[in-house]
């Protein structure tokens, strides 16, 4: 897993959104965050600057300062919100889906639109906060990291 500059974010690679909405979760990230095939994962929209989304699991949010989102986004805590139905809270989007066998998620068009990405988008997969892996879609950091041709590309 390269670090593109001293003191910078650790990068797992580039995940290209497939024609069917598939986003491969880099194997190193699956291992680091202890994700497993079949896990229900929560997608939270990224910042306005970097776009994309953070992929996390319930157990990581429950132990964090953002636990309140479970009170503010009905159906997210117990996954009674229909899978891939977008919920909005405080300017951020939330939804959930399941990691498919082989370590990927498959997103519907409505989810892609909500997170400001599309089929063919190159998402830079970086070690995010303690919440989970961050898939950057734009911005200064995305541009700087994406310029590194030695990064592994998943899904292309």
C-alpha atoms as a PDB file:
ATOM      1  CA  UNK A   1       0.000   0.000   0.000  1.00  0.00           C
ATOM      2  CA  UNK A   2       1.855   3.146  -1.123  1.00  0.00           C
ATOM      3  CA  UNK A   3       2.018   6.437   0.673  1.00  0.00           C
ATOM      4  CA  UNK A   4       2.288   8.985  -2.120  1.00  0.00           C
ATOM      5  CA  UNK A   5       4.062  11.581  -0.014  1.00  0.00           C
ATOM      6  CA  UNK A   6       5.673  11.656   3.416  1.00  0.00           C
ATOM      7  CA  UNK A   7       2.997  12.100   6.051  1.00  0.00           C
ATOM      8  CA  UNK A   8       0.251  11.692   3.437  1.00  0.00           C
ATOM      9  CA  UNK A   9      -2.677   9.338   3.138  1.00  0.00           C
ATOM     10  CA  UNK A  10      -2.069   5.675   2.541  1.00  0.00           C
ATOM     11  CA  UNK A  11      -3.497   4.617  -0.787  1.00  0.00           C
ATOM     12  CA  UNK A  12      -4.912   1.184  -1.538  1.00  0.00           C
ATOM     13  CA  UNK A  13      -5.238   1.898  -5.264  1.00  0.00           C
ATOM     14  CA  UNK A  14      -7.756   3.086  -7.821  1.00  0.00           C
ATOM     15  CA  UNK A  15     -11.195   1.460  -8.075  1.00  0.00           C
ATOM     16  CA  UNK A  16     -12.938   1.983 -11.396  1.00  0.00           C
ATOM     17  CA  UNK A  17     -16.724   1.855 -11.269  1.00  0.00           C
ATOM     18  CA  UNK A  18     -17.790  -0.874 -13.662  1.00  0.00           C
ATOM     19  CA  UNK A  19     -20.560  -0.669 -16.275  1.00  0.00           C
ATOM     20  CA  UNK A  20     -22.858  -2.490 -13.843  1.00  0.00           C
ATOM     21  CA  UNK A  21     -22.040  -0.171 -10.895  1.00  0.00           C
ATOM     22  CA  UNK A  22     -19.462  -2.544  -9.408  1.00  0.00           C
ATOM     23  CA  UNK A  23     -16.860  -1.045  -7.071  1.00  0.00           C
ATOM     24  CA  UNK A  24     -14.081  -3.405  -6.014  1.00  0.00           C
ATOM     25  CA  UNK A  25     -12.894  -2.971  -2.463  1.00  0.00           C
ATOM     26  CA  UNK A  26      -9.113  -3.370  -2.546  1.00  0.00           C
ATOM     27  CA  UNK A  27      -8.122  -6.627  -0.806  1.00  0.00           C
ATOM     28  CA  UNK A  28      -5.744  -4.768   1.539  1.00  0.00           C
ATOM     29  CA  UNK A  29      -8.632  -2.562   2.682  1.00  0.00           C
ATOM     30  CA  UNK A  30     -10.877  -5.603   3.170  1.00  0.00           C
ATOM     31  CA  UNK A  31      -8.211  -7.041   5.457  1.00  0.00           C
ATOM     32  CA  UNK A  32      -7.329  -3.819   7.287  1.00  0.00           C
ATOM     33  CA  UNK A  33     -10.926  -2.893   8.082  1.00  0.00           C
ATOM     34  CA  UNK A  34     -11.890  -6.554   8.713  1.00  0.00           C
ATOM     35  CA  UNK A  35     -14.645  -6.492   6.099  1.00  0.00           C
ATOM     36  CA  UNK A  36     -16.016  -9.837   4.988  1.00  0.00           C
ATOM     37  CA  UNK A  37     -18.117 -11.007   2.070  1.00  0.00           C
ATOM     38  CA  UNK A  38     -21.755 -10.682   3.156  1.00  0.00           C
ATOM     39  CA  UNK A  39     -21.139  -7.744   5.524  1.00  0.00           C
ATOM     40  CA  UNK A  40     -23.768  -5.034   5.442  1.00  0.00           C
ATOM     41  CA  UNK A  41     -21.884  -1.808   4.795  1.00  0.00           C
ATOM     42  CA  UNK A  42     -22.919   1.802   5.131  1.00  0.00           C
ATOM     43  CA  UNK A  43     -21.981   4.409   2.550  1.00  0.00           C
ATOM     44  CA  UNK A  44     -21.670   8.001   3.749  1.00  0.00           C
ATOM     45  CA  UNK A  45     -21.098  10.798   1.288  1.00  0.00           C
ATOM     46  CA  UNK A  46     -17.626  12.294   1.270  1.00  0.00           C
ATOM     47  CA  UNK A  47     -16.773  15.928   1.748  1.00  0.00           C
ATOM     48  CA  UNK A  48     -17.769  18.576  -0.774  1.00  0.00           C
ATOM     49  CA  UNK A  49     -14.103  18.889  -1.675  1.00  0.00           C
ATOM     50  CA  UNK A  50     -13.354  15.239  -2.370  1.00  0.00           C
ATOM     51  CA  UNK A  51     -16.790  13.796  -3.182  1.00  0.00           C
ATOM     52  CA  UNK A  52     -17.229  10.064  -3.378  1.00  0.00           C
ATOM     53  CA  UNK A  53     -18.056   8.127  -0.241  1.00  0.00           C
ATOM     54  CA  UNK A  54     -16.815   6.417   2.886  1.00  0.00           C
ATOM     55  CA  UNK A  55     -17.572   2.705   3.180  1.00  0.00           C
ATOM     56  CA  UNK A  56     -17.954   1.527   6.771  1.00  0.00           C
ATOM     57  CA  UNK A  57     -19.682  -1.019   8.967  1.00  0.00           C
ATOM     58  CA  UNK A  58     -22.092  -0.496  11.831  1.00  0.00           C
ATOM     59  CA  UNK A  59     -19.601  -1.595  14.516  1.00  0.00           C
ATOM     60  CA  UNK A  60     -17.200   1.209  13.542  1.00  0.00           C
ATOM     61  CA  UNK A  61     -19.871   3.904  13.757  1.00  0.00           C
ATOM     62  CA  UNK A  62     -21.212   2.608  17.072  1.00  0.00           C
ATOM     63  CA  UNK A  63     -17.809   3.279  18.650  1.00  0.00           C
ATOM     64  CA  UNK A  64     -17.399   6.775  17.217  1.00  0.00           C
ATOM     65  CA  UNK A  65     -18.458  10.363  17.738  1.00  0.00           C
ATOM     66  CA  UNK A  66     -20.868  10.110  14.793  1.00  0.00           C
ATOM     67  CA  UNK A  67     -23.032   7.466  16.481  1.00  0.00           C
ATOM     68  CA  UNK A  68     -25.881  10.040  16.486  1.00  0.00           C
ATOM     69  CA  UNK A  69     -26.518   9.368  12.789  1.00  0.00           C
ATOM     70  CA  UNK A  70     -28.306   6.194  13.844  1.00  0.00           C
ATOM     71  CA  UNK A  71     -30.824   8.350  15.719  1.00  0.00           C
ATOM     72  CA  UNK A  72     -31.067  10.852  12.865  1.00  0.00           C
ATOM     73  CA  UNK A  73     -31.327   8.468   9.891  1.00  0.00           C
ATOM     74  CA  UNK A  74     -34.269   6.151  10.550  1.00  0.00           C
ATOM     75  CA  UNK A  75     -33.729   2.559   9.482  1.00  0.00           C
ATOM     76  CA  UNK A  76     -29.947   2.771   9.142  1.00  0.00           C
ATOM     77  CA  UNK A  77     -29.057   1.233  12.514  1.00  0.00           C
ATOM     78  CA  UNK A  78     -31.166  -1.887  12.031  1.00  0.00           C
ATOM     79  CA  UNK A  79     -30.982  -1.927   8.213  1.00  0.00           C
ATOM     80  CA  UNK A  80     -34.747  -1.576   7.924  1.00  0.00           C
ATOM     81  CA  UNK A  81     -34.131   1.235   5.439  1.00  0.00           C
ATOM     82  CA  UNK A  82     -34.407  -0.582   2.091  1.00  0.00           C
ATOM     83  CA  UNK A  83     -31.043  -1.553   0.650  1.00  0.00           C
ATOM     84  CA  UNK A  84     -29.555   1.242  -1.484  1.00  0.00           C
ATOM     85  CA  UNK A  85     -32.328   3.685  -0.608  1.00  0.00           C
ATOM     86  CA  UNK A  86     -30.736   7.088  -0.100  1.00  0.00           C
ATOM     87  CA  UNK A  87     -31.390   8.958   3.151  1.00  0.00           C
ATOM     88  CA  UNK A  88     -30.224  12.540   3.640  1.00  0.00           C
ATOM     89  CA  UNK A  89     -29.189  14.086   6.935  1.00  0.00           C
ATOM     90  CA  UNK A  90     -27.379  17.360   7.604  1.00  0.00           C
ATOM     91  CA  UNK A  91     -26.337  17.665   3.948  1.00  0.00           C
ATOM     92  CA  UNK A  92     -24.879  14.154   3.738  1.00  0.00           C
ATOM     93  CA  UNK A  93     -26.217  11.069   2.028  1.00  0.00           C
ATOM     94  CA  UNK A  94     -26.411   7.626   3.605  1.00  0.00           C
ATOM     95  CA  UNK A  95     -27.387   4.202   2.339  1.00  0.00           C
ATOM     96  CA  UNK A  96     -26.365   0.611   2.870  1.00  0.00           C
ATOM     97  CA  UNK A  97     -25.591  -2.419   0.780  1.00  0.00           C
ATOM     98  CA  UNK A  98     -23.892  -5.806   1.108  1.00  0.00           C
ATOM     99  CA  UNK A  99     -20.346  -6.827   0.188  1.00  0.00           C
ATOM    100  CA  UNK A 100     -20.643  -9.423  -2.558  1.00  0.00           C
ATOM    101  CA  UNK A 101     -18.505 -12.598  -2.668  1.00  0.00           C
ATOM    102  CA  UNK A 102     -15.103 -11.566  -3.985  1.00  0.00           C
ATOM    103  CA  UNK A 103     -15.014  -8.210  -2.153  1.00  0.00           C
ATOM    104  CA  UNK A 104     -17.082  -5.750  -4.144  1.00  0.00           C
ATOM    105  CA  UNK A 105     -20.271  -3.722  -3.935  1.00  0.00           C
ATOM    106  CA  UNK A 106     -22.662  -3.079  -6.774  1.00  0.00           C
ATOM    107  CA  UNK A 107     -24.415   0.294  -6.790  1.00  0.00           C
ATOM    108  CA  UNK A 108     -27.579   1.416  -8.542  1.00  0.00           C
ATOM    109  CA  UNK A 109     -27.722   4.498 -10.732  1.00  0.00           C
ATOM    110  CA  UNK A 110     -29.586   6.487  -8.049  1.00  0.00           C
ATOM    111  CA  UNK A 111     -26.804   5.767  -5.552  1.00  0.00           C
ATOM    112  CA  UNK A 112     -24.079   6.707  -8.035  1.00  0.00           C
ATOM    113  CA  UNK A 113     -25.844   9.999  -8.736  1.00  0.00           C
ATOM    114  CA  UNK A 114     -26.298  10.801  -5.046  1.00  0.00           C
ATOM    115  CA  UNK A 115     -22.579  10.312  -4.404  1.00  0.00           C
ATOM    116  CA  UNK A 116     -21.576  12.303  -7.485  1.00  0.00           C
ATOM    117  CA  UNK A 117     -19.948   9.441  -9.364  1.00  0.00           C
ATOM    118  CA  UNK A 118     -20.785   7.474 -12.498  1.00  0.00           C
ATOM    119  CA  UNK A 119     -19.895   4.308 -14.303  1.00  0.00           C
ATOM    120  CA  UNK A 120     -16.272   4.542 -15.400  1.00  0.00           C
ATOM    121  CA  UNK A 121     -15.305   6.954 -12.598  1.00  0.00           C
ATOM    122  CA  UNK A 122     -11.853   6.372 -11.145  1.00  0.00           C
ATOM    123  CA  UNK A 123     -12.118   6.447  -7.355  1.00  0.00           C
ATOM    124  CA  UNK A 124      -8.963   6.758  -5.304  1.00  0.00           C
ATOM    125  CA  UNK A 125      -9.236   4.299  -2.420  1.00  0.00           C
ATOM    126  CA  UNK A 126      -7.455   5.720   0.626  1.00  0.00           C
ATOM    127  CA  UNK A 127      -7.158   4.903   4.291  1.00  0.00           C
ATOM    128  CA  UNK A 128      -9.753   7.189   5.724  1.00  0.00           C
ATOM    129  CA  UNK A 129     -10.681   7.790   9.297  1.00  0.00           C
ATOM    130  CA  UNK A 130     -11.392   5.034  11.762  1.00  0.00           C
ATOM    131  CA  UNK A 131     -14.811   4.744  10.118  1.00  0.00           C
ATOM    132  CA  UNK A 132     -13.651   2.994   6.986  1.00  0.00           C
ATOM    133  CA  UNK A 133     -12.107   3.226   3.551  1.00  0.00           C
ATOM    134  CA  UNK A 134     -12.658   6.460   1.648  1.00  0.00           C
ATOM    135  CA  UNK A 135     -13.277   6.437  -2.102  1.00  0.00           C
ATOM    136  CA  UNK A 136     -12.277   9.920  -3.335  1.00  0.00           C
ATOM    137  CA  UNK A 137     -13.886  11.135  -6.558  1.00  0.00           C
ATOM    138  CA  UNK A 138     -12.437  14.628  -7.092  1.00  0.00           C
ATOM    139  CA  UNK A 139     -10.405  17.447  -5.644  1.00  0.00           C
ATOM    140  CA  UNK A 140      -6.779  18.273  -5.019  1.00  0.00           C
ATOM    141  CA  UNK A 141      -5.932  15.084  -3.138  1.00  0.00           C
ATOM    142  CA  UNK A 142      -7.694  12.924  -5.742  1.00  0.00           C
ATOM    143  CA  UNK A 143      -5.781  14.650  -8.570  1.00  0.00           C
ATOM    144  CA  UNK A 144      -2.459  14.360  -6.803  1.00  0.00           C
ATOM    145  CA  UNK A 145      -2.897  10.682  -5.932  1.00  0.00           C
ATOM    146  CA  UNK A 146      -4.450   9.669  -9.252  1.00  0.00           C
ATOM    147  CA  UNK A 147      -1.389  10.977 -11.087  1.00  0.00           C
ATOM    148  CA  UNK A 148       0.695   8.137  -9.624  1.00  0.00           C
ATOM    149  CA  UNK A 149       0.762   5.527 -12.385  1.00  0.00           C
ATOM    150  CA  UNK A 150       2.281   2.872 -10.130  1.00  0.00           C
ATOM    151  CA  UNK A 151      -0.945   2.490  -8.182  1.00  0.00           C
ATOM    152  CA  UNK A 152      -2.885  -0.732  -8.610  1.00  0.00           C
ATOM    153  CA  UNK A 153      -6.147  -0.305 -10.517  1.00  0.00           C
ATOM    154  CA  UNK A 154      -9.108  -2.476  -9.601  1.00  0.00           C
ATOM    155  CA  UNK A 155     -11.895  -3.087 -12.065  1.00  0.00           C
ATOM    156  CA  UNK A 156     -10.351  -1.881 -15.297  1.00  0.00           C
END
